[in-house]
Amino acid sequence: MSQPVQKPEILGEPLLDHGPEHFILFPLKDSVAFDFYKKAQASLWTAEEMDLMEDRLQWTNRLTPAERFMLTQVLAFFATADSIVGENLVQRFSAEVQIPEFRMFYDFQAMMENVHWEVYSLLITTLIPNEDEQSHLFHAISTVPCVRAKADWALRWITSDASFASRVVAFAAVEGIFFSGAFASIFWLKKKGLMPGLTFSNELISRDEGLHTDFACYMYSCLQHKLPDATLTEIVTEASELEQVFWKEDTLVDGILGLSAPSMVQYIKFVTDRLLAALNVSKVYNTENPFEFIEMISLEGKTNFFEHRVSDYAKAFITGKGPVDFGSETNAEF
């Protein structure tokens, strides 16, 4: 029987190689990737855990018009962003990567992107009663120009014939940069004691996306064929510039007390440098974090949800301190 001809990119790239090990999990080929999967698994939550009753009241009675506009822009982007990320996972990454541990993470990530998508859709229908306005936000990639610009940038990488390394970096930028300003704006509301359901979901979603970004950086580090530093930096800074425009020209034009466009732009530059460093290239902006109220998005950050809901057994299991240590005896070479 003839074998399918592999693309040139696949040759010499173990993660993409269509070998016989594709259907075999143990012994593990990469214990770090499997640990990422177990961390994602232990962080599972669902939309039903959100309580938005107080948010509906505060939307009308506590938020200023400028704050409502900012959140409307944020929700307009989020209403489709997670589905775009999920589309890439299902159509491209999960189909291309052949090592089981990496595919398991991508498959689980796709499920969690659906949870995020559902939560943002619920937020729109809960907070905004007008059905025409709801429809406007749900179709933001065609009705809101600043959202369309970011969506178009992400979507073109799904259909691109660019190298796998380029697309991994691009979607690391989508999750690590395109989401960063929105997460920061909602953390700012948490600092003010506003919108408890929204801010709680933001803690969970930002933690998920932090893990996804960390995994993307690890995936990139495992590739044999990496990008020239200049090419990688160009992809990341291009995404950063789009995110900066989203805030300074569309979302925080008039500013909000304690949350200005210049400070948000500085924060986006800071997050961009952080991603570049995680991808092992030089920083571009060399700025500091202007927001004292933000703990950098990371799975290691603690919330009551993770302190009380996730069992001690699950925590021990995913860190290799439980009944089985998957990082040793079950590990194998590529």
C-alpha atoms as a PDB file:
ATOM      1  CA  MET A   1       0.000   0.000   0.000  1.00  0.00           C
ATOM      2  CA  SER A   2       1.357   3.408  -0.932  1.00  0.00           C
ATOM      3  CA  GLN A   3       2.078   5.888   1.844  1.00  0.00           C
ATOM      4  CA  PRO A   4       0.943   9.541   1.750  1.00  0.00           C
ATOM      5  CA  VAL A   5       3.641  11.931   0.644  1.00  0.00           C
ATOM      6  CA  GLN A   6       4.684  14.167   3.514  1.00  0.00           C
ATOM      7  CA  LYS A   7       5.071  17.896   3.043  1.00  0.00           C
ATOM      8  CA  PRO A   8       8.664  19.174   3.175  1.00  0.00           C
ATOM      9  CA  GLU A   9       7.938  20.942   6.472  1.00  0.00           C
ATOM     10  CA  ILE A  10       6.996  17.659   8.155  1.00  0.00           C
ATOM     11  CA  LEU A  11      10.287  16.002   7.270  1.00  0.00           C
ATOM     12  CA  GLY A  12      12.720  16.477  10.131  1.00  0.00           C
ATOM     13  CA  GLU A  13      10.032  17.851  12.471  1.00  0.00           C
ATOM     14  CA  PRO A  14       9.186  15.080  14.988  1.00  0.00           C
ATOM     15  CA  LEU A  15       6.058  16.829  16.282  1.00  0.00           C
ATOM     16  CA  LEU A  16       4.532  16.743  12.794  1.00  0.00           C
ATOM     17  CA  ASP A  17       5.826  13.353  11.674  1.00  0.00           C
ATOM     18  CA  HIS A  18       3.110  10.855  10.656  1.00  0.00           C
ATOM     19  CA  GLY A  19       4.742   7.877  12.317  1.00  0.00           C
ATOM     20  CA  PRO A  20       3.338   4.680  13.863  1.00  0.00           C
ATOM     21  CA  GLU A  21       3.529   6.200  17.372  1.00  0.00           C
ATOM     22  CA  HIS A  22       0.622   8.488  16.506  1.00  0.00           C
ATOM     23  CA  PHE A  23      -1.902   6.170  18.201  1.00  0.00           C
ATOM     24  CA  ILE A  24       0.231   5.199  21.208  1.00  0.00           C
ATOM     25  CA  LEU A  25       0.245   7.267  24.399  1.00  0.00           C
ATOM     26  CA  PHE A  26       2.517   5.307  26.773  1.00  0.00           C
ATOM     27  CA  PRO A  27       5.402   5.520  27.169  1.00  0.00           C
ATOM     28  CA  LEU A  28       5.080   9.280  26.938  1.00  0.00           C
ATOM     29  CA  LYS A  29       7.131  11.088  24.348  1.00  0.00           C
ATOM     30  CA  ASP A  30       6.990  14.391  26.235  1.00  0.00           C
ATOM     31  CA  SER A  31       6.139  14.540  29.935  1.00  0.00           C
ATOM     32  CA  VAL A  32       6.046  18.355  29.971  1.00  0.00           C
ATOM     33  CA  ALA A  33       3.324  18.457  27.322  1.00  0.00           C
ATOM     34  CA  PHE A  34       1.387  15.823  29.248  1.00  0.00           C
ATOM     35  CA  ASP A  35       1.726  17.885  32.420  1.00  0.00           C
ATOM     36  CA  PHE A  36       0.241  20.859  30.566  1.00  0.00           C
ATOM     37  CA  TYR A  37      -2.684  18.624  29.618  1.00  0.00           C
ATOM     38  CA  LYS A  38      -3.211  17.504  33.223  1.00  0.00           C
ATOM     39  CA  LYS A  39      -3.101  21.107  34.442  1.00  0.00           C
ATOM     40  CA  ALA A  40      -5.753  22.059  31.908  1.00  0.00           C
ATOM     41  CA  GLN A  41      -7.836  19.059  32.923  1.00  0.00           C
ATOM     42  CA  ALA A  42      -7.658  19.966  36.627  1.00  0.00           C
ATOM     43  CA  SER A  43      -8.790  23.520  35.824  1.00  0.00           C
ATOM     44  CA  LEU A  44     -12.054  22.434  34.198  1.00  0.00           C
ATOM     45  CA  TRP A  45     -15.086  24.638  34.830  1.00  0.00           C
ATOM     46  CA  THR A  46     -18.374  25.334  33.043  1.00  0.00           C
ATOM     47  CA  ALA A  47     -20.589  28.289  32.218  1.00  0.00           C
ATOM     48  CA  GLU A  48     -23.215  27.100  34.701  1.00  0.00           C
ATOM     49  CA  GLU A  49     -20.916  28.167  37.537  1.00  0.00           C
ATOM     50  CA  MET A  50     -21.328  31.845  36.680  1.00  0.00           C
ATOM     51  CA  ASP A  51     -23.804  33.999  38.644  1.00  0.00           C
ATOM     52  CA  LEU A  52     -24.622  37.143  36.663  1.00  0.00           C
ATOM     53  CA  MET A  53     -27.655  38.436  38.576  1.00  0.00           C
ATOM     54  CA  GLU A  54     -25.731  41.202  40.367  1.00  0.00           C
ATOM     55  CA  ASP A  55     -23.929  42.121  37.146  1.00  0.00           C
ATOM     56  CA  ARG A  56     -27.210  42.890  35.409  1.00  0.00           C
ATOM     57  CA  LEU A  57     -28.119  45.385  38.140  1.00  0.00           C
ATOM     58  CA  GLN A  58     -24.673  46.968  38.258  1.00  0.00           C
ATOM     59  CA  TRP A  59     -24.535  47.342  34.476  1.00  0.00           C
ATOM     60  CA  THR A  60     -27.431  49.790  34.703  1.00  0.00           C
ATOM     61  CA  ASN A  61     -26.952  51.320  38.142  1.00  0.00           C
ATOM     62  CA  ARG A  62     -23.216  51.323  38.892  1.00  0.00           C
ATOM     63  CA  LEU A  63     -21.291  51.598  35.623  1.00  0.00           C
ATOM     64  CA  THR A  64     -20.678  54.904  33.879  1.00  0.00           C
ATOM     65  CA  PRO A  65     -21.478  55.269  30.155  1.00  0.00           C
ATOM     66  CA  ALA A  66     -17.734  55.171  29.403  1.00  0.00           C
ATOM     67  CA  GLU A  67     -17.334  51.947  31.365  1.00  0.00           C
ATOM     68  CA  ARG A  68     -20.307  50.365  29.594  1.00  0.00           C
ATOM     69  CA  PHE A  69     -18.877  51.366  26.214  1.00  0.00           C
ATOM     70  CA  MET A  70     -15.505  49.872  27.100  1.00  0.00           C
ATOM     71  CA  LEU A  71     -17.087  46.586  28.174  1.00  0.00           C
ATOM     72  CA  THR A  72     -19.287  46.512  25.089  1.00  0.00           C
ATOM     73  CA  GLN A  73     -16.179  46.742  22.897  1.00  0.00           C
ATOM     74  CA  VAL A  74     -14.480  44.030  24.941  1.00  0.00           C
ATOM     75  CA  LEU A  75     -17.460  41.685  24.761  1.00  0.00           C
ATOM     76  CA  ALA A  76     -17.823  42.354  21.039  1.00  0.00           C
ATOM     77  CA  PHE A  77     -14.299  41.051  20.513  1.00  0.00           C
ATOM     78  CA  PHE A  78     -14.633  38.128  22.892  1.00  0.00           C
ATOM     79  CA  ALA A  79     -17.957  37.068  21.344  1.00  0.00           C
ATOM     80  CA  THR A  80     -16.029  35.638  18.389  1.00  0.00           C
ATOM     81  CA  ALA A  81     -12.375  35.509  19.475  1.00  0.00           C
ATOM     82  CA  ASP A  82     -12.549  32.181  21.282  1.00  0.00           C
ATOM     83  CA  SER A  83     -14.363  30.562  18.379  1.00  0.00           C
ATOM     84  CA  ILE A  84     -11.572  31.731  16.052  1.00  0.00           C
ATOM     85  CA  VAL A  85      -8.966  30.171  18.328  1.00  0.00           C
ATOM     86  CA  GLY A  86     -11.030  26.987  18.474  1.00  0.00           C
ATOM     87  CA  GLU A  87     -11.370  26.945  14.696  1.00  0.00           C
ATOM     88  CA  ASN A  88      -7.608  27.023  14.318  1.00  0.00           C
ATOM     89  CA  LEU A  89      -7.180  24.203  16.819  1.00  0.00           C
ATOM     90  CA  VAL A  90      -9.701  21.939  15.120  1.00  0.00           C
ATOM     91  CA  GLN A  91      -8.875  22.774  11.497  1.00  0.00           C
ATOM     92  CA  ARG A  92      -5.105  23.073  11.731  1.00  0.00           C
ATOM     93  CA  PHE A  93      -3.075  22.434  14.887  1.00  0.00           C
ATOM     94  CA  SER A  94      -4.791  19.311  16.210  1.00  0.00           C
ATOM     95  CA  ALA A  95      -4.741  17.796  12.727  1.00  0.00           C
ATOM     96  CA  GLU A  96      -1.103  18.662  12.094  1.00  0.00           C
ATOM     97  CA  VAL A  97       0.555  17.712  15.384  1.00  0.00           C
ATOM     98  CA  GLN A  98       1.152  13.979  15.654  1.00  0.00           C
ATOM     99  CA  ILE A  99       2.547  13.465  19.168  1.00  0.00           C
ATOM    100  CA  PRO A 100      -0.412  12.358  21.346  1.00  0.00           C
ATOM    101  CA  GLU A 101       0.378  14.481  24.420  1.00  0.00           C
ATOM    102  CA  PHE A 102       0.374  17.673  22.378  1.00  0.00           C
ATOM    103  CA  ARG A 103      -2.828  16.727  20.585  1.00  0.00           C
ATOM    104  CA  MET A 104      -4.521  15.932  23.885  1.00  0.00           C
ATOM    105  CA  PHE A 105      -3.795  19.427  25.130  1.00  0.00           C
ATOM    106  CA  TYR A 106      -5.083  21.001  21.918  1.00  0.00           C
ATOM    107  CA  ASP A 107      -8.269  18.940  22.022  1.00  0.00           C
ATOM    108  CA  PHE A 108      -8.909  19.917  25.646  1.00  0.00           C
ATOM    109  CA  GLN A 109      -8.098  23.530  24.855  1.00  0.00           C
ATOM    110  CA  ALA A 110     -10.690  23.512  22.071  1.00  0.00           C
ATOM    111  CA  MET A 111     -13.326  22.361  24.555  1.00  0.00           C
ATOM    112  CA  MET A 112     -12.396  25.134  26.994  1.00  0.00           C
ATOM    113  CA  GLU A 113     -12.522  27.737  24.221  1.00  0.00           C
ATOM    114  CA  ASN A 114     -16.136  26.648  23.733  1.00  0.00           C
ATOM    115  CA  VAL A 115     -16.812  27.276  27.437  1.00  0.00           C
ATOM    116  CA  HIS A 116     -15.311  30.764  27.144  1.00  0.00           C
ATOM    117  CA  TRP A 117     -17.364  31.417  24.015  1.00  0.00           C
ATOM    118  CA  GLU A 118     -20.528  30.347  25.815  1.00  0.00           C
ATOM    119  CA  VAL A 119     -19.780  32.580  28.824  1.00  0.00           C
ATOM    120  CA  TYR A 120     -19.192  35.679  26.703  1.00  0.00           C
ATOM    121  CA  SER A 121     -22.371  34.992  24.755  1.00  0.00           C
ATOM    122  CA  LEU A 122     -24.289  34.685  28.037  1.00  0.00           C
ATOM    123  CA  LEU A 123     -22.786  37.958  29.251  1.00  0.00           C
ATOM    124  CA  ILE A 124     -24.006  39.772  26.156  1.00  0.00           C
ATOM    125  CA  THR A 125     -27.539  38.387  26.371  1.00  0.00           C
ATOM    126  CA  THR A 126     -27.661  39.032  30.132  1.00  0.00           C
ATOM    127  CA  LEU A 127     -26.284  42.566  30.205  1.00  0.00           C
ATOM    128  CA  ILE A 128     -27.689  43.930  26.948  1.00  0.00           C
ATOM    129  CA  PRO A 129     -31.454  43.378  26.634  1.00  0.00           C
ATOM    130  CA  ASN A 130     -31.861  44.946  23.192  1.00  0.00           C
ATOM    131  CA  GLU A 131     -31.810  42.137  20.622  1.00  0.00           C
ATOM    132  CA  ASP A 132     -30.620  44.387  17.798  1.00  0.00           C
ATOM    133  CA  GLU A 133     -27.635  45.477  19.877  1.00  0.00           C
ATOM    134  CA  GLN A 134     -26.970  41.865  20.818  1.00  0.00           C
ATOM    135  CA  SER A 135     -26.931  40.920  17.149  1.00  0.00           C
ATOM    136  CA  HIS A 136     -24.594  43.834  16.403  1.00  0.00           C
ATOM    137  CA  LEU A 137     -22.118  42.522  18.976  1.00  0.00           C
ATOM    138  CA  PHE A 138     -22.434  38.876  17.958  1.00  0.00           C
ATOM    139  CA  HIS A 139     -21.576  39.928  14.392  1.00  0.00           C
ATOM    140  CA  ALA A 140     -18.777  42.266  15.488  1.00  0.00           C
ATOM    141  CA  ILE A 141     -16.249  40.845  13.031  1.00  0.00           C
ATOM    142  CA  SER A 142     -18.337  42.472  10.320  1.00  0.00           C
ATOM    143  CA  THR A 143     -20.038  45.333  12.227  1.00  0.00           C
ATOM    144  CA  VAL A 144     -17.268  46.720  14.490  1.00  0.00           C
ATOM    145  CA  PRO A 145     -14.168  47.806  12.509  1.00  0.00           C
ATOM    146  CA  CYS A 146     -11.655  47.563  15.377  1.00  0.00           C
ATOM    147  CA  VAL A 147     -12.841  44.032  16.150  1.00  0.00           C
ATOM    148  CA  ARG A 148     -12.783  43.109  12.474  1.00  0.00           C
ATOM    149  CA  ALA A 149      -9.134  44.211  12.210  1.00  0.00           C
ATOM    150  CA  LYS A 150      -8.037  41.818  14.955  1.00  0.00           C
ATOM    151  CA  ALA A 151     -10.277  38.999  13.724  1.00  0.00           C
ATOM    152  CA  ASP A 152      -9.017  39.338  10.152  1.00  0.00           C
ATOM    153  CA  TRP A 153      -5.424  39.140  11.362  1.00  0.00           C
ATOM    154  CA  ALA A 154      -6.113  35.925  13.273  1.00  0.00           C
ATOM    155  CA  LEU A 155      -8.260  34.357  10.555  1.00  0.00           C
ATOM    156  CA  ARG A 156      -5.655  34.824   7.852  1.00  0.00           C
ATOM    157  CA  TRP A 157      -3.260  32.617   9.810  1.00  0.00           C
ATOM    158  CA  ILE A 158      -5.800  29.772   9.831  1.00  0.00           C
ATOM    159  CA  THR A 159      -5.851  29.620   6.039  1.00  0.00           C
ATOM    160  CA  SER A 160      -2.213  30.614   5.576  1.00  0.00           C
ATOM    161  CA  ASP A 161       0.368  28.326   3.983  1.00  0.00           C
ATOM    162  CA  ALA A 162       2.966  29.811   6.329  1.00  0.00           C
ATOM    163  CA  SER A 163       5.159  27.438   8.289  1.00  0.00           C
ATOM    164  CA  PHE A 164       3.820  25.702  11.375  1.00  0.00           C
ATOM    165  CA  ALA A 165       6.293  27.692  13.490  1.00  0.00           C
ATOM    166  CA  SER A 166       4.911  30.971  12.130  1.00  0.00           C
ATOM    167  CA  ARG A 167       1.359  29.974  12.939  1.00  0.00           C
ATOM    168  CA  VAL A 168       2.240  28.811  16.450  1.00  0.00           C
ATOM    169  CA  VAL A 169       3.779  32.220  17.122  1.00  0.00           C
ATOM    170  CA  ALA A 170       0.818  34.029  15.576  1.00  0.00           C
ATOM    171  CA  PHE A 171      -1.709  32.277  17.803  1.00  0.00           C
ATOM    172  CA  ALA A 172       0.519  32.743  20.835  1.00  0.00           C
ATOM    173  CA  ALA A 173       0.156  36.446  20.027  1.00  0.00           C
ATOM    174  CA  VAL A 174      -3.619  36.142  19.630  1.00  0.00           C
ATOM    175  CA  GLU A 175      -4.043  34.613  23.077  1.00  0.00           C
ATOM    176  CA  GLY A 176      -1.154  36.388  24.763  1.00  0.00           C
ATOM    177  CA  ILE A 177      -1.663  39.906  23.341  1.00  0.00           C
ATOM    178  CA  PHE A 178      -5.112  40.310  21.733  1.00  0.00           C
ATOM    179  CA  PHE A 179      -6.745  39.199  24.982  1.00  0.00           C
ATOM    180  CA  SER A 180      -4.432  41.113  27.317  1.00  0.00           C
ATOM    181  CA  GLY A 181      -6.042  44.550  27.275  1.00  0.00           C
ATOM    182  CA  ALA A 182      -9.522  43.124  27.700  1.00  0.00           C
ATOM    183  CA  PHE A 183      -8.440  41.040  30.671  1.00  0.00           C
ATOM    184  CA  ALA A 184      -6.756  44.097  32.205  1.00  0.00           C
ATOM    185  CA  SER A 185      -9.870  46.235  31.823  1.00  0.00           C
ATOM    186  CA  ILE A 186     -11.980  43.633  33.628  1.00  0.00           C
ATOM    187  CA  PHE A 187      -9.392  43.221  36.384  1.00  0.00           C
ATOM    188  CA  TRP A 188      -9.661  47.001  36.805  1.00  0.00           C
ATOM    189  CA  LEU A 189     -13.412  46.586  37.419  1.00  0.00           C
ATOM    190  CA  LYS A 190     -12.633  43.897  39.987  1.00  0.00           C
ATOM    191  CA  LYS A 191     -10.381  46.363  41.794  1.00  0.00           C
ATOM    192  CA  LYS A 192     -13.398  48.689  42.048  1.00  0.00           C
ATOM    193  CA  GLY A 193     -15.620  45.896  43.358  1.00  0.00           C
ATOM    194  CA  LEU A 194     -17.826  45.903  40.261  1.00  0.00           C
ATOM    195  CA  MET A 195     -19.412  43.186  38.107  1.00  0.00           C
ATOM    196  CA  PRO A 196     -18.666  40.123  40.299  1.00  0.00           C
ATOM    197  CA  GLY A 197     -19.837  37.499  37.816  1.00  0.00           C
ATOM    198  CA  LEU A 198     -17.910  39.022  34.930  1.00  0.00           C
ATOM    199  CA  THR A 199     -14.759  39.496  36.984  1.00  0.00           C
ATOM    200  CA  PHE A 200     -14.905  35.945  38.358  1.00  0.00           C
ATOM    201  CA  SER A 201     -15.238  34.523  34.864  1.00  0.00           C
ATOM    202  CA  ASN A 202     -12.348  36.772  33.829  1.00  0.00           C
ATOM    203  CA  GLU A 203     -10.126  35.222  36.491  1.00  0.00           C
ATOM    204  CA  LEU A 204     -10.883  31.752  35.188  1.00  0.00           C
ATOM    205  CA  ILE A 205     -10.666  32.607  31.496  1.00  0.00           C
ATOM    206  CA  SER A 206      -7.486  34.660  31.845  1.00  0.00           C
ATOM    207  CA  ARG A 207      -5.904  31.778  33.740  1.00  0.00           C
ATOM    208  CA  ASP A 208      -6.924  29.356  30.991  1.00  0.00           C
ATOM    209  CA  GLU A 209      -5.545  31.648  28.299  1.00  0.00           C
ATOM    210  CA  GLY A 210      -2.341  32.105  30.260  1.00  0.00           C
ATOM    211  CA  LEU A 211      -1.887  28.345  30.245  1.00  0.00           C
ATOM    212  CA  HIS A 212      -2.670  28.200  26.521  1.00  0.00           C
ATOM    213  CA  THR A 213      -0.069  30.875  25.811  1.00  0.00           C
ATOM    214  CA  ASP A 214       2.514  29.104  27.962  1.00  0.00           C
ATOM    215  CA  PHE A 215       1.808  25.895  26.056  1.00  0.00           C
ATOM    216  CA  ALA A 216       2.221  27.692  22.726  1.00  0.00           C
ATOM    217  CA  CYS A 217       5.630  28.927  23.867  1.00  0.00           C
ATOM    218  CA  TYR A 218       6.589  25.421  24.954  1.00  0.00           C
ATOM    219  CA  MET A 219       5.361  24.008  21.643  1.00  0.00           C
ATOM    220  CA  TYR A 220       7.521  26.518  19.797  1.00  0.00           C
ATOM    221  CA  SER A 221      10.550  25.616  21.922  1.00  0.00           C
ATOM    222  CA  CYS A 222      10.128  21.967  20.865  1.00  0.00           C
ATOM    223  CA  LEU A 223      10.225  22.696  17.137  1.00  0.00           C
ATOM    224  CA  GLN A 224      13.371  21.813  15.236  1.00  0.00           C
ATOM    225  CA  HIS A 225      12.777  24.487  12.615  1.00  0.00           C
ATOM    226  CA  LYS A 226      12.318  27.840  14.325  1.00  0.00           C
ATOM    227  CA  LEU A 227      11.860  31.266  12.800  1.00  0.00           C
ATOM    228  CA  PRO A 228      14.578  33.874  12.405  1.00  0.00           C
ATOM    229  CA  ASP A 229      14.339  36.211  15.387  1.00  0.00           C
ATOM    230  CA  ALA A 230      13.409  39.122  13.131  1.00  0.00           C
ATOM    231  CA  THR A 231      10.494  37.208  11.590  1.00  0.00           C
ATOM    232  CA  LEU A 232       9.173  36.106  14.971  1.00  0.00           C
ATOM    233  CA  THR A 233       9.437  39.639  16.341  1.00  0.00           C
ATOM    234  CA  GLU A 234       7.618  41.028  13.313  1.00  0.00           C
ATOM    235  CA  ILE A 235       4.657  38.676  13.828  1.00  0.00           C
ATOM    236  CA  VAL A 236       4.361  39.478  17.530  1.00  0.00           C
ATOM    237  CA  THR A 237       4.777  43.248  17.206  1.00  0.00           C
ATOM    238  CA  GLU A 238       2.267  43.352  14.349  1.00  0.00           C
ATOM    239  CA  ALA A 239      -0.320  41.835  16.683  1.00  0.00           C
ATOM    240  CA  SER A 240       0.748  44.218  19.445  1.00  0.00           C
ATOM    241  CA  GLU A 241       0.259  47.262  17.245  1.00  0.00           C
ATOM    242  CA  LEU A 242      -3.266  46.148  16.336  1.00  0.00           C
ATOM    243  CA  GLU A 243      -4.083  45.705  20.019  1.00  0.00           C
ATOM    244  CA  GLN A 244      -2.677  49.136  20.848  1.00  0.00           C
ATOM    245  CA  VAL A 245      -4.857  50.740  18.165  1.00  0.00           C
ATOM    246  CA  PHE A 246      -7.922  48.911  19.490  1.00  0.00           C
ATOM    247  CA  TRP A 247      -7.512  50.713  22.816  1.00  0.00           C
ATOM    248  CA  LYS A 248      -6.108  54.121  21.975  1.00  0.00           C
ATOM    249  CA  GLU A 249      -8.228  54.840  18.889  1.00  0.00           C
ATOM    250  CA  ASP A 250     -11.465  52.955  19.549  1.00  0.00           C
ATOM    251  CA  THR A 251     -12.073  51.766  23.102  1.00  0.00           C
ATOM    252  CA  LEU A 252     -10.460  54.256  25.508  1.00  0.00           C
ATOM    253  CA  VAL A 253     -10.512  57.365  23.343  1.00  0.00           C
ATOM    254  CA  ASP A 254     -11.892  59.567  26.130  1.00  0.00           C
ATOM    255  CA  GLY A 255     -10.286  57.592  28.931  1.00  0.00           C
ATOM    256  CA  ILE A 256     -11.746  56.462  32.230  1.00  0.00           C
ATOM    257  CA  LEU A 257     -10.615  57.642  35.644  1.00  0.00           C
ATOM    258  CA  GLY A 258      -7.791  55.298  36.620  1.00  0.00           C
ATOM    259  CA  LEU A 259      -7.646  53.602  33.211  1.00  0.00           C
ATOM    260  CA  SER A 260      -6.262  55.715  30.372  1.00  0.00           C
ATOM    261  CA  ALA A 261      -5.347  54.846  26.797  1.00  0.00           C
ATOM    262  CA  PRO A 262      -1.628  55.627  27.359  1.00  0.00           C
ATOM    263  CA  SER A 263      -1.476  53.327  30.383  1.00  0.00           C
ATOM    264  CA  MET A 264      -3.244  50.558  28.482  1.00  0.00           C
ATOM    265  CA  VAL A 265      -0.852  50.924  25.545  1.00  0.00           C
ATOM    266  CA  GLN A 266       2.076  50.711  27.966  1.00  0.00           C
ATOM    267  CA  TYR A 267       0.595  47.556  29.469  1.00  0.00           C
ATOM    268  CA  ILE A 268       0.187  45.965  26.032  1.00  0.00           C
ATOM    269  CA  LYS A 269       3.820  46.774  25.251  1.00  0.00           C
ATOM    270  CA  PHE A 270       4.825  45.196  28.567  1.00  0.00           C
ATOM    271  CA  VAL A 271       2.852  42.029  27.780  1.00  0.00           C
ATOM    272  CA  THR A 272       4.358  41.961  24.278  1.00  0.00           C
ATOM    273  CA  ASP A 273       7.871  42.028  25.707  1.00  0.00           C
ATOM    274  CA  ARG A 274       6.910  39.263  28.110  1.00  0.00           C
ATOM    275  CA  LEU A 275       5.753  37.070  25.226  1.00  0.00           C
ATOM    276  CA  LEU A 276       8.883  37.804  23.194  1.00  0.00           C
ATOM    277  CA  ALA A 277      11.028  36.810  26.161  1.00  0.00           C
ATOM    278  CA  ALA A 278       9.023  33.598  26.595  1.00  0.00           C
ATOM    279  CA  LEU A 279       9.725  32.830  22.930  1.00  0.00           C
ATOM    280  CA  ASN A 280      13.426  33.403  23.611  1.00  0.00           C
ATOM    281  CA  VAL A 281      13.946  36.580  21.586  1.00  0.00           C
ATOM    282  CA  SER A 282      14.855  40.108  22.641  1.00  0.00           C
ATOM    283  CA  LYS A 283      12.318  42.553  24.018  1.00  0.00           C
ATOM    284  CA  VAL A 284      11.252  45.482  21.843  1.00  0.00           C
ATOM    285  CA  TYR A 285       9.610  48.044  24.111  1.00  0.00           C
ATOM    286  CA  ASN A 286      11.385  47.608  27.469  1.00  0.00           C
ATOM    287  CA  THR A 287       8.458  49.030  29.440  1.00  0.00           C
ATOM    288  CA  GLU A 288       7.244  48.332  32.957  1.00  0.00           C
ATOM    289  CA  ASN A 289       3.818  47.113  34.023  1.00  0.00           C
ATOM    290  CA  PRO A 290       1.781  50.283  34.708  1.00  0.00           C
ATOM    291  CA  PHE A 291      -1.074  48.444  36.421  1.00  0.00           C
ATOM    292  CA  GLU A 292      -0.375  47.582  40.031  1.00  0.00           C
ATOM    293  CA  PHE A 293      -3.785  45.902  40.310  1.00  0.00           C
ATOM    294  CA  ILE A 294      -2.875  43.160  37.871  1.00  0.00           C
ATOM    295  CA  GLU A 295      -1.163  39.943  38.786  1.00  0.00           C
ATOM    296  CA  MET A 296       0.281  38.659  35.554  1.00  0.00           C
ATOM    297  CA  ILE A 297      -1.966  36.094  33.975  1.00  0.00           C
ATOM    298  CA  SER A 298      -0.701  32.688  35.019  1.00  0.00           C
ATOM    299  CA  LEU A 299      -2.090  29.340  36.129  1.00  0.00           C
ATOM    300  CA  GLU A 300      -0.010  29.720  39.290  1.00  0.00           C
ATOM    301  CA  GLY A 301      -2.172  32.615  40.484  1.00  0.00           C
ATOM    302  CA  LYS A 302      -4.636  31.560  43.182  1.00  0.00           C
ATOM    303  CA  THR A 303      -8.358  32.250  43.418  1.00  0.00           C
ATOM    304  CA  ASN A 304     -10.916  30.885  45.813  1.00  0.00           C
ATOM    305  CA  PHE A 305     -12.152  28.763  42.919  1.00  0.00           C
ATOM    306  CA  PHE A 306      -8.862  26.925  42.615  1.00  0.00           C
ATOM    307  CA  GLU A 307      -8.153  26.845  46.343  1.00  0.00           C
ATOM    308  CA  HIS A 308     -11.464  25.240  47.241  1.00  0.00           C
ATOM    309  CA  ARG A 309     -13.045  23.642  44.194  1.00  0.00           C
ATOM    310  CA  VAL A 310     -10.121  21.707  42.734  1.00  0.00           C
ATOM    311  CA  SER A 311      -9.356  18.730  44.949  1.00  0.00           C
ATOM    312  CA  ASP A 312      -6.003  18.205  46.621  1.00  0.00           C
ATOM    313  CA  TYR A 313      -5.790  14.909  44.760  1.00  0.00           C
ATOM    314  CA  ALA A 314      -6.080  16.658  41.404  1.00  0.00           C
ATOM    315  CA  LYS A 315      -3.446  19.213  42.363  1.00  0.00           C
ATOM    316  CA  ALA A 316      -1.054  16.489  43.469  1.00  0.00           C
ATOM    317  CA  PHE A 317      -1.782  14.441  40.375  1.00  0.00           C
ATOM    318  CA  ILE A 318      -0.989  17.178  37.886  1.00  0.00           C
ATOM    319  CA  THR A 319       2.216  18.241  39.625  1.00  0.00           C
ATOM    320  CA  GLY A 320       3.658  14.750  39.741  1.00  0.00           C
ATOM    321  CA  LYS A 321       3.293  14.420  43.517  1.00  0.00           C
ATOM    322  CA  GLY A 322       0.319  12.079  43.460  1.00  0.00           C
ATOM    323  CA  PRO A 323      -0.025   8.331  42.987  1.00  0.00           C
ATOM    324  CA  VAL A 324       1.747   8.330  39.609  1.00  0.00           C
ATOM    325  CA  ASP A 325       4.655  10.452  38.422  1.00  0.00           C
ATOM    326  CA  PHE A 326       4.210  10.641  34.677  1.00  0.00           C
ATOM    327  CA  GLY A 327       7.399  12.644  34.323  1.00  0.00           C
ATOM    328  CA  SER A 328       9.742   9.740  34.913  1.00  0.00           C
ATOM    329  CA  GLU A 329       8.992   6.085  34.291  1.00  0.00           C
ATOM    330  CA  THR A 330       6.549   6.603  31.435  1.00  0.00           C
ATOM    331  CA  ASN A 331       8.740   9.025  29.499  1.00  0.00           C
ATOM    332  CA  ALA A 332      10.205   8.036  26.147  1.00  0.00           C
ATOM    333  CA  GLU A 333      12.343   9.589  23.466  1.00  0.00           C
ATOM    334  CA  PHE A 334      10.918  10.781  20.151  1.00  0.00           C
END
